Amino acid sequence: MNKLHVRKDDTIVVLSGKDKGKQGKVLETSPKEKKVIVEGINMVTKHVKPRRQGEAGGIVKAEGAMYASKVMVVCPSCAKPTRLAHKILSDGTKVRCCKKCGATFSDKE
């Protein structure tokens, strides 16, 4: 079973590589490959062929996948990169929370 510390729609900061320090929103996760695709980060050029008559081909910029270990979640309340802790609430639900300020992450951000 493969789990990632980031989820879709999380705001993250890049820890290493050419985009170090940049922030973005997670568009897609791939737990099997342990990779994430982040909006505006790790841009790659793709050569696209026209698929239908009249459709234009050419060189297109798109986000490439990067390893999830290179990113860290940004806390929505303290706006700092943080590791995630988990709390079990009184009603028995498990929620993610910030290690630095203790604020809980709601899944409907």
PDB file of N, CA and C in Angstrom:
ATOM      1  N   MET A   1       0.838  -1.183   0.000  1.00  0.00           N
ATOM      2  CA  MET A   1       0.000   0.000   0.000  1.00  0.00           C
ATOM      3  C   MET A   1       0.886   1.252   0.000  1.00  0.00           C
ATOM      4  N   ASN A   2       0.701   2.098  -0.994  1.00  0.00           N
ATOM      5  CA  ASN A   2       1.504   3.316  -1.119  1.00  0.00           C
ATOM      6  C   ASN A   2       0.684   4.522  -0.695  1.00  0.00           C
ATOM      7  N   LYS A   3       1.234   5.312   0.225  1.00  0.00           N
ATOM      8  CA  LYS A   3       0.563   6.529   0.676  1.00  0.00           C
ATOM      9  C   LYS A   3       1.490   7.708   0.490  1.00  0.00           C
ATOM     10  N   LEU A   4       0.902   8.849   0.184  1.00  0.00           N
ATOM     11  CA  LEU A   4       1.655  10.084   0.058  1.00  0.00           C
ATOM     12  C   LEU A   4       1.233  11.046   1.164  1.00  0.00           C
ATOM     13  N   HIS A   5       2.142  11.943   1.535  1.00  0.00           N
ATOM     14  CA  HIS A   5       1.815  12.939   2.554  1.00  0.00           C
ATOM     15  C   HIS A   5       1.086  14.137   1.967  1.00  0.00           C
ATOM     16  N   VAL A   6       0.973  14.199   0.651  1.00  0.00           N
ATOM     17  CA  VAL A   6       0.252  15.291   0.002  1.00  0.00           C
ATOM     18  C   VAL A   6      -0.989  14.748  -0.695  1.00  0.00           C
ATOM     19  N   ARG A   7      -1.989  15.606  -0.818  1.00  0.00           N
ATOM     20  CA  ARG A   7      -3.230  15.253  -1.498  1.00  0.00           C
ATOM     21  C   ARG A   7      -3.508  16.274  -2.580  1.00  0.00           C
ATOM     22  N   LYS A   8      -4.449  15.942  -3.439  1.00  0.00           N
ATOM     23  CA  LYS A   8      -4.879  16.868  -4.478  1.00  0.00           C
ATOM     24  C   LYS A   8      -5.416  18.141  -3.814  1.00  0.00           C
ATOM     25  N   ASP A   9      -5.130  19.289  -4.411  1.00  0.00           N
ATOM     26  CA  ASP A   9      -5.545  20.626  -3.951  1.00  0.00           C
ATOM     27  C   ASP A   9      -4.765  21.142  -2.745  1.00  0.00           C
ATOM     28  N   ASP A  10      -3.745  20.421  -2.257  1.00  0.00           N
ATOM     29  CA  ASP A  10      -2.874  20.950  -1.203  1.00  0.00           C
ATOM     30  C   ASP A  10      -1.968  22.019  -1.804  1.00  0.00           C
ATOM     31  N   THR A  11      -1.628  23.037  -1.005  1.00  0.00           N
ATOM     32  CA  THR A  11      -0.620  24.009  -1.411  1.00  0.00           C
ATOM     33  C   THR A  11       0.713  23.494  -0.898  1.00  0.00           C
ATOM     34  N   ILE A  12       1.705  23.464  -1.778  1.00  0.00           N
ATOM     35  CA  ILE A  12       3.003  22.905  -1.396  1.00  0.00           C
ATOM     36  C   ILE A  12       4.121  23.887  -1.743  1.00  0.00           C
ATOM     37  N   VAL A  13       5.307  23.630  -1.185  1.00  0.00           N
ATOM     38  CA  VAL A  13       6.520  24.356  -1.542  1.00  0.00           C
ATOM     39  C   VAL A  13       7.554  23.318  -1.963  1.00  0.00           C
ATOM     40  N   VAL A  14       8.330  23.653  -2.999  1.00  0.00           N
ATOM     41  CA  VAL A  14       9.333  22.726  -3.526  1.00  0.00           C
ATOM     42  C   VAL A  14      10.612  22.851  -2.708  1.00  0.00           C
ATOM     43  N   LEU A  15      11.175  21.715  -2.279  1.00  0.00           N
ATOM     44  CA  LEU A  15      12.355  21.688  -1.420  1.00  0.00           C
ATOM     45  C   LEU A  15      13.669  21.644  -2.194  1.00  0.00           C
ATOM     46  N   SER A  16      13.679  21.004  -3.367  1.00  0.00           N
ATOM     47  CA  SER A  16      14.936  20.883  -4.106  1.00  0.00           C
ATOM     48  C   SER A  16      14.677  20.861  -5.602  1.00  0.00           C
ATOM     49  N   GLY A  17      15.747  21.120  -6.359  1.00  0.00           N
ATOM     50  CA  GLY A  17      15.647  21.111  -7.814  1.00  0.00           C
ATOM     51  C   GLY A  17      15.623  22.507  -8.390  1.00  0.00           C
ATOM     52  N   LYS A  18      15.335  22.599  -9.694  1.00  0.00           N
ATOM     53  CA  LYS A  18      15.376  23.895 -10.385  1.00  0.00           C
ATOM     54  C   LYS A  18      14.286  24.849  -9.921  1.00  0.00           C
ATOM     55  N   ASP A  19      13.194  24.333  -9.353  1.00  0.00           N
ATOM     56  CA  ASP A  19      12.081  25.163  -8.888  1.00  0.00           C
ATOM     57  C   ASP A  19      12.064  25.321  -7.372  1.00  0.00           C
ATOM     58  N   LYS A  20      13.209  25.174  -6.725  1.00  0.00           N
ATOM     59  CA  LYS A  20      13.303  25.243  -5.266  1.00  0.00           C
ATOM     60  C   LYS A  20      12.731  26.557  -4.729  1.00  0.00           C
ATOM     61  N   GLY A  21      11.859  26.449  -3.709  1.00  0.00           N
ATOM     62  CA  GLY A  21      11.268  27.623  -3.084  1.00  0.00           C
ATOM     63  C   GLY A  21       9.942  28.060  -3.675  1.00  0.00           C
ATOM     64  N   LYS A  22       9.579  27.541  -4.836  1.00  0.00           N
ATOM     65  CA  LYS A  22       8.316  27.938  -5.476  1.00  0.00           C
ATOM     66  C   LYS A  22       7.141  27.223  -4.808  1.00  0.00           C
ATOM     67  N   GLN A  23       5.998  27.913  -4.805  1.00  0.00           N
ATOM     68  CA  GLN A  23       4.778  27.328  -4.252  1.00  0.00           C
ATOM     69  C   GLN A  23       3.785  27.057  -5.373  1.00  0.00           C
ATOM     70  N   GLY A  24       2.945  26.058  -5.154  1.00  0.00           N
ATOM     71  CA  GLY A  24       1.927  25.721  -6.140  1.00  0.00           C
ATOM     72  C   GLY A  24       0.895  24.792  -5.554  1.00  0.00           C
ATOM     73  N   LYS A  25      -0.154  24.538  -6.337  1.00  0.00           N
ATOM     74  CA  LYS A  25      -1.245  23.665  -5.913  1.00  0.00           C
ATOM     75  C   LYS A  25      -1.094  22.310  -6.585  1.00  0.00           C
ATOM     76  N   VAL A  26      -1.300  21.247  -5.834  1.00  0.00           N
ATOM     77  CA  VAL A  26      -1.190  19.892  -6.367  1.00  0.00           C
ATOM     78  C   VAL A  26      -2.387  19.625  -7.275  1.00  0.00           C
ATOM     79  N   LEU A  27      -2.103  19.281  -8.535  1.00  0.00           N
ATOM     80  CA  LEU A  27      -3.157  18.989  -9.498  1.00  0.00           C
ATOM     81  C   LEU A  27      -3.501  17.507  -9.510  1.00  0.00           C
ATOM     82  N   GLU A  28      -2.476  16.668  -9.318  1.00  0.00           N
ATOM     83  CA  GLU A  28      -2.667  15.233  -9.446  1.00  0.00           C
ATOM     84  C   GLU A  28      -1.615  14.505  -8.619  1.00  0.00           C
ATOM     85  N   THR A  29      -1.996  13.369  -8.044  1.00  0.00           N
ATOM     86  CA  THR A  29      -1.038  12.540  -7.319  1.00  0.00           C
ATOM     87  C   THR A  29      -1.013  11.142  -7.924  1.00  0.00           C
ATOM     88  N   SER A  30       0.144  10.516  -7.832  1.00  0.00           N
ATOM     89  CA  SER A  30       0.302   9.145  -8.302  1.00  0.00           C
ATOM     90  C   SER A  30       1.013   8.354  -7.204  1.00  0.00           C
ATOM     91  N   PRO A  31       0.240   7.778  -6.266  1.00  0.00           N
ATOM     92  CA  PRO A  31       0.858   7.070  -5.143  1.00  0.00           C
ATOM     93  C   PRO A  31       1.710   5.878  -5.561  1.00  0.00           C
ATOM     94  N   LYS A  32       1.328   5.215  -6.637  1.00  0.00           N
ATOM     95  CA  LYS A  32       2.073   4.045  -7.096  1.00  0.00           C
ATOM     96  C   LYS A  32       3.497   4.431  -7.510  1.00  0.00           C
ATOM     97  N   GLU A  33       3.634   5.561  -8.200  1.00  0.00           N
ATOM     98  CA  GLU A  33       4.951   6.046  -8.634  1.00  0.00           C
ATOM     99  C   GLU A  33       5.594   6.977  -7.611  1.00  0.00           C
ATOM    100  N   LYS A  34       4.847   7.355  -6.557  1.00  0.00           N
ATOM    101  CA  LYS A  34       5.282   8.315  -5.536  1.00  0.00           C
ATOM    102  C   LYS A  34       5.607   9.681  -6.159  1.00  0.00           C
ATOM    103  N   LYS A  35       4.744  10.108  -7.094  1.00  0.00           N
ATOM    104  CA  LYS A  35       4.956  11.374  -7.785  1.00  0.00           C
ATOM    105  C   LYS A  35       3.722  12.266  -7.696  1.00  0.00           C
ATOM    106  N   VAL A  36       3.958  13.567  -7.863  1.00  0.00           N
ATOM    107  CA  VAL A  36       2.877  14.552  -7.877  1.00  0.00           C
ATOM    108  C   VAL A  36       3.070  15.482  -9.073  1.00  0.00           C
ATOM    109  N   ILE A  37       1.971  16.053  -9.544  1.00  0.00           N
ATOM    110  CA  ILE A  37       2.020  17.089 -10.570  1.00  0.00           C
ATOM    111  C   ILE A  37       1.514  18.370  -9.927  1.00  0.00           C
ATOM    112  N   VAL A  38       2.341  19.422  -9.994  1.00  0.00           N
ATOM    113  CA  VAL A  38       2.052  20.680  -9.318  1.00  0.00           C
ATOM    114  C   VAL A  38       1.874  21.784 -10.357  1.00  0.00           C
ATOM    115  N   GLU A  39       0.866  22.621 -10.126  1.00  0.00           N
ATOM    116  CA  GLU A  39       0.514  23.705 -11.040  1.00  0.00           C
ATOM    117  C   GLU A  39       1.668  24.697 -11.194  1.00  0.00           C
ATOM    118  N   GLY A  40       2.157  24.864 -12.431  1.00  0.00           N
ATOM    119  CA  GLY A  40       3.188  25.855 -12.735  1.00  0.00           C
ATOM    120  C   GLY A  40       4.596  25.462 -12.351  1.00  0.00           C
ATOM    121  N   ILE A  41       4.821  24.235 -11.911  1.00  0.00           N
ATOM    122  CA  ILE A  41       6.145  23.795 -11.452  1.00  0.00           C
ATOM    123  C   ILE A  41       6.608  22.616 -12.302  1.00  0.00           C
ATOM    124  N   ASN A  42       7.912  22.548 -12.542  1.00  0.00           N
ATOM    125  CA  ASN A  42       8.532  21.492 -13.343  1.00  0.00           C
ATOM    126  C   ASN A  42       7.940  21.465 -14.754  1.00  0.00           C
ATOM    127  N   MET A  43       7.951  22.638 -15.399  1.00  0.00           N
ATOM    128  CA  MET A  43       7.396  22.767 -16.739  1.00  0.00           C
ATOM    129  C   MET A  43       8.297  22.076 -17.759  1.00  0.00           C
ATOM    130  N   VAL A  44       7.683  21.262 -18.614  1.00  0.00           N
ATOM    131  CA  VAL A  44       8.405  20.557 -19.668  1.00  0.00           C
ATOM    132  C   VAL A  44       7.771  20.904 -21.008  1.00  0.00           C
ATOM    133  N   THR A  45       8.545  20.736 -22.090  1.00  0.00           N
ATOM    134  CA  THR A  45       8.003  20.996 -23.421  1.00  0.00           C
ATOM    135  C   THR A  45       7.633  19.670 -24.067  1.00  0.00           C
ATOM    136  N   LYS A  46       6.453  19.636 -24.647  1.00  0.00           N
ATOM    137  CA  LYS A  46       5.961  18.447 -25.340  1.00  0.00           C
ATOM    138  C   LYS A  46       5.753  18.797 -26.799  1.00  0.00           C
ATOM    139  N   HIS A  47       6.126  17.868 -27.662  1.00  0.00           N
ATOM    140  CA  HIS A  47       5.874  18.027 -29.086  1.00  0.00           C
ATOM    141  C   HIS A  47       4.568  17.309 -29.394  1.00  0.00           C
ATOM    142  N   VAL A  48       3.547  18.073 -29.765  1.00  0.00           N
ATOM    143  CA  VAL A  48       2.207  17.522 -29.944  1.00  0.00           C
ATOM    144  C   VAL A  48       1.859  17.477 -31.422  1.00  0.00           C
ATOM    145  N   LYS A  49       1.398  16.315 -31.866  1.00  0.00           N
ATOM    146  CA  LYS A  49       0.942  16.154 -33.252  1.00  0.00           C
ATOM    147  C   LYS A  49      -0.527  16.546 -33.335  1.00  0.00           C
ATOM    148  N   PRO A  50      -0.942  17.130 -34.451  1.00  0.00           N
ATOM    149  CA  PRO A  50      -2.372  17.399 -34.611  1.00  0.00           C
ATOM    150  C   PRO A  50      -3.135  16.079 -34.733  1.00  0.00           C
ATOM    151  N   ARG A  51      -4.182  15.912 -33.964  1.00  0.00           N
ATOM    152  CA  ARG A  51      -4.947  14.661 -33.949  1.00  0.00           C
ATOM    153  C   ARG A  51      -6.094  14.665 -34.960  1.00  0.00           C
ATOM    154  N   ARG A  52      -6.688  15.827 -35.214  1.00  0.00           N
ATOM    155  CA  ARG A  52      -7.810  15.914 -36.150  1.00  0.00           C
ATOM    156  C   ARG A  52      -7.494  16.939 -37.239  1.00  0.00           C
ATOM    157  N   GLN A  53      -8.271  16.888 -38.283  1.00  0.00           N
ATOM    158  CA  GLN A  53      -8.118  17.849 -39.374  1.00  0.00           C
ATOM    159  C   GLN A  53      -8.401  19.255 -38.846  1.00  0.00           C
ATOM    160  N   GLY A  54      -7.500  20.170 -39.107  1.00  0.00           N
ATOM    161  CA  GLY A  54      -7.682  21.554 -38.678  1.00  0.00           C
ATOM    162  C   GLY A  54      -7.125  21.852 -37.299  1.00  0.00           C
ATOM    163  N   GLU A  55      -6.787  20.830 -36.549  1.00  0.00           N
ATOM    164  CA  GLU A  55      -6.227  21.042 -35.211  1.00  0.00           C
ATOM    165  C   GLU A  55      -4.743  21.355 -35.346  1.00  0.00           C
ATOM    166  N   ALA A  56      -4.282  22.304 -34.553  1.00  0.00           N
ATOM    167  CA  ALA A  56      -2.881  22.715 -34.639  1.00  0.00           C
ATOM    168  C   ALA A  56      -1.996  21.812 -33.777  1.00  0.00           C
ATOM    169  N   GLY A  57      -0.826  21.525 -34.285  1.00  0.00           N
ATOM    170  CA  GLY A  57       0.180  20.797 -33.518  1.00  0.00           C
ATOM    171  C   GLY A  57       1.219  21.798 -33.049  1.00  0.00           C
ATOM    172  N   GLY A  58       2.327  21.320 -32.536  1.00  0.00           N
ATOM    173  CA  GLY A  58       3.398  22.227 -32.144  1.00  0.00           C
ATOM    174  C   GLY A  58       4.008  21.858 -30.819  1.00  0.00           C
ATOM    175  N   ILE A  59       4.744  22.801 -30.267  1.00  0.00           N
ATOM    176  CA  ILE A  59       5.429  22.594 -29.002  1.00  0.00           C
ATOM    177  C   ILE A  59       4.592  23.227 -27.896  1.00  0.00           C
ATOM    178  N   VAL A  60       4.240  22.424 -26.899  1.00  0.00           N
ATOM    179  CA  VAL A  60       3.363  22.862 -25.811  1.00  0.00           C
ATOM    180  C   VAL A  60       4.094  22.731 -24.477  1.00  0.00           C
ATOM    181  N   LYS A  61       3.922  23.708 -23.617  1.00  0.00           N
ATOM    182  CA  LYS A  61       4.476  23.623 -22.253  1.00  0.00           C
ATOM    183  C   LYS A  61       3.448  22.960 -21.349  1.00  0.00           C
ATOM    184  N   ALA A  62       3.900  22.020 -20.521  1.00  0.00           N
ATOM    185  CA  ALA A  62       2.999  21.319 -19.598  1.00  0.00           C
ATOM    186  C   ALA A  62       3.757  20.994 -18.318  1.00  0.00           C
ATOM    187  N   GLU A  63       3.004  20.764 -17.236  1.00  0.00           N
ATOM    188  CA  GLU A  63       3.615  20.398 -15.963  1.00  0.00           C
ATOM    189  C   GLU A  63       4.065  18.941 -16.008  1.00  0.00           C
ATOM    190  N   GLY A  64       5.281  18.689 -15.533  1.00  0.00           N
ATOM    191  CA  GLY A  64       5.786  17.324 -15.458  1.00  0.00           C
ATOM    192  C   GLY A  64       5.657  16.802 -14.044  1.00  0.00           C
ATOM    193  N   ALA A  65       5.704  15.488 -13.901  1.00  0.00           N
ATOM    194  CA  ALA A  65       5.606  14.866 -12.578  1.00  0.00           C
ATOM    195  C   ALA A  65       6.920  15.021 -11.839  1.00  0.00           C
ATOM    196  N   MET A  66       6.839  15.133 -10.524  1.00  0.00           N
ATOM    197  CA  MET A  66       8.038  15.182  -9.691  1.00  0.00           C
ATOM    198  C   MET A  66       7.810  14.329  -8.451  1.00  0.00           C
ATOM    199  N   TYR A  67       8.889  13.880  -7.843  1.00  0.00           N
ATOM    200  CA  TYR A  67       8.771  13.025  -6.677  1.00  0.00           C
ATOM    201  C   TYR A  67       8.158  13.776  -5.503  1.00  0.00           C
ATOM    202  N   ALA A  68       7.266  13.114  -4.784  1.00  0.00           N
ATOM    203  CA  ALA A  68       6.561  13.729  -3.662  1.00  0.00           C
ATOM    204  C   ALA A  68       7.512  14.064  -2.514  1.00  0.00           C
ATOM    205  N   SER A  69       8.645  13.381  -2.440  1.00  0.00           N
ATOM    206  CA  SER A  69       9.607  13.656  -1.370  1.00  0.00           C
ATOM    207  C   SER A  69      10.280  15.017  -1.535  1.00  0.00           C
ATOM    208  N   LYS A  70      10.163  15.618  -2.713  1.00  0.00           N
ATOM    209  CA  LYS A  70      10.759  16.930  -2.977  1.00  0.00           C
ATOM    210  C   LYS A  70       9.853  18.083  -2.580  1.00  0.00           C
ATOM    211  N   VAL A  71       8.633  17.784  -2.106  1.00  0.00           N
ATOM    212  CA  VAL A  71       7.694  18.845  -1.764  1.00  0.00           C
ATOM    213  C   VAL A  71       7.258  18.739  -0.295  1.00  0.00           C
ATOM    214  N   MET A  72       6.842  19.885   0.247  1.00  0.00           N
ATOM    215  CA  MET A  72       6.356  19.938   1.622  1.00  0.00           C
ATOM    216  C   MET A  72       5.066  20.747   1.655  1.00  0.00           C
ATOM    217  N   VAL A  73       4.116  20.311   2.437  1.00  0.00           N
ATOM    218  CA  VAL A  73       2.811  20.968   2.532  1.00  0.00           C
ATOM    219  C   VAL A  73       2.947  22.303   3.250  1.00  0.00           C
ATOM    220  N   VAL A  74       2.239  23.324   2.756  1.00  0.00           N
ATOM    221  CA  VAL A  74       2.209  24.637   3.397  1.00  0.00           C
ATOM    222  C   VAL A  74       0.930  24.718   4.228  1.00  0.00           C
ATOM    223  N   CYS A  75       1.070  25.083   5.502  1.00  0.00           N
ATOM    224  CA  CYS A  75      -0.076  25.205   6.409  1.00  0.00           C
ATOM    225  C   CYS A  75      -0.940  26.395   5.984  1.00  0.00           C
ATOM    226  N   PRO A  76      -2.262  26.203   5.863  1.00  0.00           N
ATOM    227  CA  PRO A  76      -3.120  27.319   5.455  1.00  0.00           C
ATOM    228  C   PRO A  76      -3.244  28.429   6.500  1.00  0.00           C
ATOM    229  N   SER A  77      -3.051  28.106   7.787  1.00  0.00           N
ATOM    230  CA  SER A  77      -3.230  29.148   8.803  1.00  0.00           C
ATOM    231  C   SER A  77      -1.936  29.905   9.112  1.00  0.00           C
ATOM    232  N   CYS A  78      -0.789  29.200   9.252  1.00  0.00           N
ATOM    233  CA  CYS A  78       0.455  29.911   9.566  1.00  0.00           C
ATOM    234  C   CYS A  78       1.299  30.184   8.318  1.00  0.00           C
ATOM    235  N   ALA A  79       0.904  29.653   7.161  1.00  0.00           N
ATOM    236  CA  ALA A  79       1.559  29.869   5.863  1.00  0.00           C
ATOM    237  C   ALA A  79       3.031  29.476   5.852  1.00  0.00           C
ATOM    238  N   LYS A  80       3.394  28.467   6.640  1.00  0.00           N
ATOM    239  CA  LYS A  80       4.767  27.965   6.670  1.00  0.00           C
ATOM    240  C   LYS A  80       4.797  26.524   6.182  1.00  0.00           C
ATOM    241  N   PRO A  81       5.904  26.114   5.538  1.00  0.00           N
ATOM    242  CA  PRO A  81       6.036  24.710   5.165  1.00  0.00           C
ATOM    243  C   PRO A  81       6.124  23.857   6.429  1.00  0.00           C
ATOM    244  N   THR A  82       5.384  22.772   6.483  1.00  0.00           N
ATOM    245  CA  THR A  82       5.340  21.974   7.701  1.00  0.00           C
ATOM    246  C   THR A  82       5.162  20.500   7.391  1.00  0.00           C
ATOM    247  N   ARG A  83       5.602  19.679   8.332  1.00  0.00           N
ATOM    248  CA  ARG A  83       5.267  18.268   8.264  1.00  0.00           C
ATOM    249  C   ARG A  83       3.863  18.109   8.819  1.00  0.00           C
ATOM    250  N   LEU A  84       3.215  17.018   8.455  1.00  0.00           N
ATOM    251  CA  LEU A  84       1.845  16.814   8.901  1.00  0.00           C
ATOM    252  C   LEU A  84       1.804  15.905  10.119  1.00  0.00           C
ATOM    253  N   ALA A  85       0.960  16.273  11.061  1.00  0.00           N
ATOM    254  CA  ALA A  85       0.660  15.418  12.200  1.00  0.00           C
ATOM    255  C   ALA A  85      -0.781  14.953  12.018  1.00  0.00           C
ATOM    256  N   HIS A  86      -1.187  13.969  12.772  1.00  0.00           N
ATOM    257  CA  HIS A  86      -2.566  13.482  12.711  1.00  0.00           C
ATOM    258  C   HIS A  86      -3.179  13.522  14.094  1.00  0.00           C
ATOM    259  N   LYS A  87      -4.409  13.984  14.163  1.00  0.00           N
ATOM    260  CA  LYS A  87      -5.165  14.026  15.419  1.00  0.00           C
ATOM    261  C   LYS A  87      -6.426  13.209  15.244  1.00  0.00           C
ATOM    262  N   ILE A  88      -6.836  12.557  16.301  1.00  0.00           N
ATOM    263  CA  ILE A  88      -8.125  11.876  16.298  1.00  0.00           C
ATOM    264  C   ILE A  88      -9.069  12.720  17.131  1.00  0.00           C
ATOM    265  N   LEU A  89     -10.126  13.210  16.501  1.00  0.00           N
ATOM    266  CA  LEU A  89     -11.075  14.091  17.175  1.00  0.00           C
ATOM    267  C   LEU A  89     -11.998  13.288  18.085  1.00  0.00           C
ATOM    268  N   SER A  90     -12.779  14.003  18.882  1.00  0.00           N
ATOM    269  CA  SER A  90     -13.669  13.354  19.847  1.00  0.00           C
ATOM    270  C   SER A  90     -14.742  12.488  19.184  1.00  0.00           C
ATOM    271  N   ASP A  91     -15.115  12.847  17.944  1.00  0.00           N
ATOM    272  CA  ASP A  91     -16.116  12.034  17.239  1.00  0.00           C
ATOM    273  C   ASP A  91     -15.489  10.840  16.507  1.00  0.00           C
ATOM    274  N   GLY A  92     -14.175  10.644  16.657  1.00  0.00           N
ATOM    275  CA  GLY A  92     -13.510   9.473  16.098  1.00  0.00           C
ATOM    276  C   GLY A  92     -12.905   9.662  14.725  1.00  0.00           C
ATOM    277  N   THR A  93     -13.035  10.862  14.137  1.00  0.00           N
ATOM    278  CA  THR A  93     -12.455  11.093  12.817  1.00  0.00           C
ATOM    279  C   THR A  93     -10.995  11.497  12.942  1.00  0.00           C
ATOM    280  N   LYS A  94     -10.199  11.057  11.974  1.00  0.00           N
ATOM    281  CA  LYS A  94      -8.777  11.356  11.949  1.00  0.00           C
ATOM    282  C   LYS A  94      -8.552  12.524  10.998  1.00  0.00           C
ATOM    283  N   VAL A  95      -7.885  13.582  11.471  1.00  0.00           N
ATOM    284  CA  VAL A  95      -7.639  14.764  10.645  1.00  0.00           C
ATOM    285  C   VAL A  95      -6.150  15.071  10.603  1.00  0.00           C
ATOM    286  N   ARG A  96      -5.746  15.733   9.516  1.00  0.00           N
ATOM    287  CA  ARG A  96      -4.357  16.174   9.393  1.00  0.00           C
ATOM    288  C   ARG A  96      -4.223  17.530  10.065  1.00  0.00           C
ATOM    289  N   CYS A  97      -3.075  17.761  10.712  1.00  0.00           N
ATOM    290  CA  CYS A  97      -2.849  19.059  11.349  1.00  0.00           C
ATOM    291  C   CYS A  97      -1.391  19.475  11.198  1.00  0.00           C
ATOM    292  N   CYS A  98      -1.151  20.755  11.442  1.00  0.00           N
ATOM    293  CA  CYS A  98       0.169  21.362  11.307  1.00  0.00           C
ATOM    294  C   CYS A  98       1.023  21.037  12.525  1.00  0.00           C
ATOM    295  N   LYS A  99       2.278  20.649  12.308  1.00  0.00           N
ATOM    296  CA  LYS A  99       3.201  20.361  13.411  1.00  0.00           C
ATOM    297  C   LYS A  99       3.636  21.649  14.104  1.00  0.00           C
ATOM    298  N   LYS A 100       3.628  22.785  13.374  1.00  0.00           N
ATOM    299  CA  LYS A 100       4.142  24.036  13.934  1.00  0.00           C
ATOM    300  C   LYS A 100       3.097  24.787  14.755  1.00  0.00           C
ATOM    301  N   CYS A 101       1.880  24.964  14.189  1.00  0.00           N
ATOM    302  CA  CYS A 101       0.874  25.769  14.895  1.00  0.00           C
ATOM    303  C   CYS A 101      -0.276  24.936  15.448  1.00  0.00           C
ATOM    304  N   GLY A 102      -0.390  23.691  15.017  1.00  0.00           N
ATOM    305  CA  GLY A 102      -1.437  22.815  15.537  1.00  0.00           C
ATOM    306  C   GLY A 102      -2.792  22.953  14.866  1.00  0.00           C
ATOM    307  N   ALA A 103      -2.898  23.817  13.850  1.00  0.00           N
ATOM    308  CA  ALA A 103      -4.171  24.008  13.155  1.00  0.00           C
ATOM    309  C   ALA A 103      -4.503  22.773  12.322  1.00  0.00           C
ATOM    310  N   THR A 104      -5.797  22.437  12.299  1.00  0.00           N
ATOM    311  CA  THR A 104      -6.211  21.265  11.521  1.00  0.00           C
ATOM    312  C   THR A 104      -6.470  21.658  10.075  1.00  0.00           C
ATOM    313  N   PHE A 105      -6.189  20.733   9.167  1.00  0.00           N
ATOM    314  CA  PHE A 105      -6.428  20.921   7.741  1.00  0.00           C
ATOM    315  C   PHE A 105      -7.800  20.363   7.444  1.00  0.00           C
ATOM    316  N   SER A 106      -8.686  21.179   6.916  1.00  0.00           N
ATOM    317  CA  SER A 106      -9.977  20.643   6.515  1.00  0.00           C
ATOM    318  C   SER A 106      -9.840  20.080   5.115  1.00  0.00           C
ATOM    319  N   ASP A 107     -10.566  19.012   4.813  1.00  0.00           N
ATOM    320  CA  ASP A 107     -10.473  18.380   3.498  1.00  0.00           C
ATOM    321  C   ASP A 107     -11.184  19.185   2.430  1.00  0.00           C
ATOM    322  N   LYS A 108     -11.991  20.178   2.823  1.00  0.00           N
ATOM    323  CA  LYS A 108     -12.731  20.987   1.853  1.00  0.00           C
ATOM    324  C   LYS A 108     -12.099  22.353   1.699  1.00  0.00           C
ATOM    325  N   GLU A 109     -10.778  22.429   1.556  1.00  0.00           N
ATOM    326  CA  GLU A 109     -10.078  23.725   1.413  1.00  0.00           C
ATOM    327  C   GLU A 109     -10.276  24.311   0.049  1.00  0.00           C
TER     328      GLU A 109
END
